[in-house]
Protein backbone atom coordinates (compact mmCIF):
# COMPACT_ATOMS: atom_id res chain seq x y z
CA MET A 1 -20.48 12.30 -1.52
CA THR A 2 -22.51 10.12 0.64
CA SER A 3 -24.42 8.22 -1.64
CA LEU A 4 -20.77 7.15 -2.83
CA PRO A 5 -20.54 2.93 -1.66
CA TRP A 6 -16.86 3.10 -0.40
CA LYS A 7 -16.73 0.57 2.63
CA LYS A 8 -14.13 -1.61 1.54
CA ILE A 9 -10.89 1.01 1.24
CA LEU A 10 -7.38 -0.55 0.33
CA CYS A 11 -4.69 2.01 0.88
CA PRO A 12 -1.17 0.53 0.03
CA VAL A 13 1.73 1.71 2.38
CA ASP A 14 5.42 1.72 1.86
CA PHE A 15 5.92 3.42 5.59
CA SER A 16 6.91 6.46 4.17
CA PRO A 17 5.59 10.14 5.04
CA ALA A 18 3.69 9.91 1.90
CA ALA A 19 1.92 6.52 2.87
CA ARG A 20 1.05 8.25 6.26
CA ASP A 21 -0.73 11.05 4.54
CA ALA A 22 -2.76 8.40 2.41
CA LEU A 23 -3.78 6.65 5.69
CA ALA A 24 -5.16 9.52 6.71
CA THR A 25 -7.12 10.16 4.16
CA ALA A 26 -8.32 6.52 3.85
CA ALA A 27 -8.94 6.67 7.96
CA GLU A 28 -10.75 9.92 7.02
CA LEU A 29 -12.87 8.15 4.43
CA ALA A 30 -13.83 5.06 6.10
CA LYS A 31 -14.84 6.91 9.14
CA HIS A 32 -16.90 9.26 6.91
CA PHE A 33 -18.72 6.09 5.16
CA ASP A 34 -18.52 3.66 8.09
CA GLY A 35 -15.86 1.62 6.09
CA GLU A 36 -13.10 -0.22 6.56
CA VAL A 37 -9.61 0.32 5.37
CA THR A 38 -7.22 -2.69 4.79
CA LEU A 39 -3.71 -1.48 4.98
CA PHE A 40 -1.55 -3.75 2.57
CA HIS A 41 2.39 -3.84 2.04
CA ALA A 42 4.42 -5.38 -0.63
CA TYR A 43 7.61 -6.06 -1.11
CA PRO A 44 9.61 -8.26 -4.14
CA LEU A 45 12.05 -11.46 -2.68
CA PRO A 46 15.42 -9.67 -2.36
CA GLY A 47 18.06 -10.90 -4.40
CA TYR A 48 20.70 -10.36 -6.89
CA THR A 49 21.55 -11.44 -10.15
CA LEU A 50 25.29 -11.97 -10.52
CA PRO A 51 26.74 -13.12 -13.90
CA GLU A 52 27.48 -16.44 -12.10
CA GLY A 53 23.89 -16.92 -10.54
CA THR A 54 21.08 -15.55 -8.68
CA VAL A 55 21.69 -15.02 -4.95
CA LEU A 56 18.86 -15.46 -2.84
CA PRO A 57 18.58 -14.29 0.83
CA SER A 58 18.22 -17.31 3.86
CA SER A 59 15.00 -18.61 5.10
CA ARG A 60 16.21 -16.40 8.43
CA MET A 61 16.32 -13.28 6.48
CA LEU A 62 12.96 -13.85 4.96
CA GLN A 63 11.54 -14.72 8.08
CA ASP A 64 12.95 -11.45 9.55
CA LEU A 65 11.55 -9.33 6.59
CA SER A 66 8.14 -10.80 7.41
CA ASP A 67 7.89 -10.41 11.09
CA GLU A 68 9.37 -6.85 10.18
CA THR A 69 6.40 -6.30 7.95
CA ASP A 70 3.83 -7.28 10.43
CA ARG A 71 5.37 -5.38 13.06
CA LEU A 72 5.28 -2.06 11.05
CA LEU A 73 1.59 -3.14 10.01
CA GLU A 74 0.25 -3.88 13.17
CA GLU A 75 1.80 -0.15 14.22
CA TRP A 76 -0.22 1.25 11.07
CA ARG A 77 -3.43 -0.28 11.37
CA LYS A 78 -3.26 0.95 15.31
CA LEU A 79 -2.31 4.38 13.64
CA ALA A 80 -5.55 4.01 11.48
CA LEU A 81 -8.06 3.49 14.32
CA GLU A 82 -6.56 6.43 16.22
CA MET A 83 -7.37 8.83 13.29
CA GLY A 84 -10.93 7.61 12.99
CA ALA A 85 -11.26 4.37 11.14
CA PRO A 86 -14.00 2.56 12.11
CA ALA A 87 -12.17 -0.87 11.19
CA ALA A 88 -8.72 -1.65 9.84
CA ARG A 89 -6.70 -4.77 9.10
CA THR A 90 -3.47 -5.72 7.18
CA ALA A 91 -2.59 -7.66 4.57
CA LYS A 92 0.70 -7.97 3.05
CA SER A 93 2.44 -9.94 -0.10
CA ILE A 94 5.88 -10.77 -1.92
CA GLY A 95 6.26 -9.62 -5.28
CA ASP A 96 6.13 -6.74 -7.52
CA PRO A 97 4.17 -3.90 -5.37
CA ALA A 98 2.11 -2.45 -8.07
CA THR A 99 1.14 -5.84 -9.32
CA GLU A 100 0.22 -6.74 -5.91
CA VAL A 101 -2.35 -3.80 -4.81
CA LEU A 102 -3.71 -4.48 -8.28
CA ASP A 103 -4.43 -8.57 -7.44
CA LEU A 104 -5.46 -7.69 -4.48
CA ALA A 105 -8.04 -4.42 -5.15
CA SER A 106 -9.84 -6.90 -7.32
CA GLN A 107 -11.24 -8.59 -4.64
CA GLY A 108 -14.26 -6.85 -3.44
CA PHE A 109 -12.57 -3.16 -2.58
CA GLN A 110 -14.18 -0.29 -3.97
CA LEU A 111 -11.62 2.53 -3.26
CA LEU A 112 -7.91 2.87 -3.70
CA VAL A 113 -6.15 5.36 -1.61
CA VAL A 114 -2.22 5.80 -2.48
CA GLY A 115 0.35 7.90 -1.35
CA THR A 116 2.43 9.28 -3.95
CA HIS A 117 5.99 10.51 -3.26
CA GLY A 118 5.13 13.11 -6.12
CA ARG A 119 8.39 12.58 -8.20
CA THR A 120 9.24 14.13 -11.58
CA GLY A 121 11.89 14.31 -14.36
CA VAL A 122 14.79 11.89 -14.09
CA ALA A 123 14.24 10.43 -10.33
CA HIS A 124 10.18 9.29 -11.69
CA VAL A 125 12.06 7.55 -14.91
CA LEU A 126 14.92 6.07 -12.45
CA LEU A 127 12.79 5.02 -9.50
CA GLY A 128 9.36 4.41 -11.23
CA SER A 129 6.10 4.91 -9.63
CA VAL A 130 4.05 2.45 -7.80
CA ALA A 131 1.09 5.01 -7.88
CA GLU A 132 1.38 5.81 -11.34
CA ARG A 133 1.04 1.84 -12.57
CA VAL A 134 -1.81 1.39 -10.15
CA VAL A 135 -3.70 4.31 -11.30
CA ARG A 136 -3.61 3.46 -14.96
CA LYS A 137 -4.32 -0.18 -14.62
CA ALA A 138 -7.15 -0.28 -11.44
CA HIS A 139 -10.67 -1.12 -12.16
CA ILE A 140 -11.48 0.57 -9.26
CA PRO A 141 -11.48 4.47 -8.54
CA VAL A 142 -8.20 5.32 -7.10
CA LEU A 143 -7.49 8.72 -4.76
CA THR A 144 -3.88 9.86 -4.74
CA VAL A 145 -2.58 11.89 -1.83
CA ARG A 146 0.41 13.69 -2.05
CA PRO A 147 2.72 14.56 0.76
CA LYS A 148 1.89 17.69 2.78
C-alpha cells in the first residue's frame, strides 16, 4: 500500500454524515502518504422551471449560498486537519455535482474518496447517486465510503 502515489486526494462533500466518514478516510490516507486533501462541494444553480418560464434566484440569494458554502468548506477543512491530514484545501463549483467532481478530478488528482448514502431500490432510482456516476466515469481510482 505504501507504493501507491496518493498524494493528491479529492474528497467531494455534501456536508452529510456520509461525507464526514469519507473525509475521515481521506484524511487518514493523506496522513499515511503525506498528501493533501481537497474538499470539494458542487451545487446546481437553484431555480424552477414553470410553464410560464424559468425562475432564477436573485444575485443576493446566490451570494448567500456561496458564502454559506465557503463557511462550511472552511469548517470541514479545519476538521480534515484535526483528523490528521497534513494539508487541506477547498474548492467549489456551480453545476451538476457528478460532472463537476469528474472535471476537477481530471486536474491532477490521484484518488477520489467519495461518501455514499447507500440508498437502494426506489430511493436510489428517485434520488440518483452522485457517487455511482463518479465511480462509473472516473479515470482515477475511486474509494467509496459507506456511512458507519
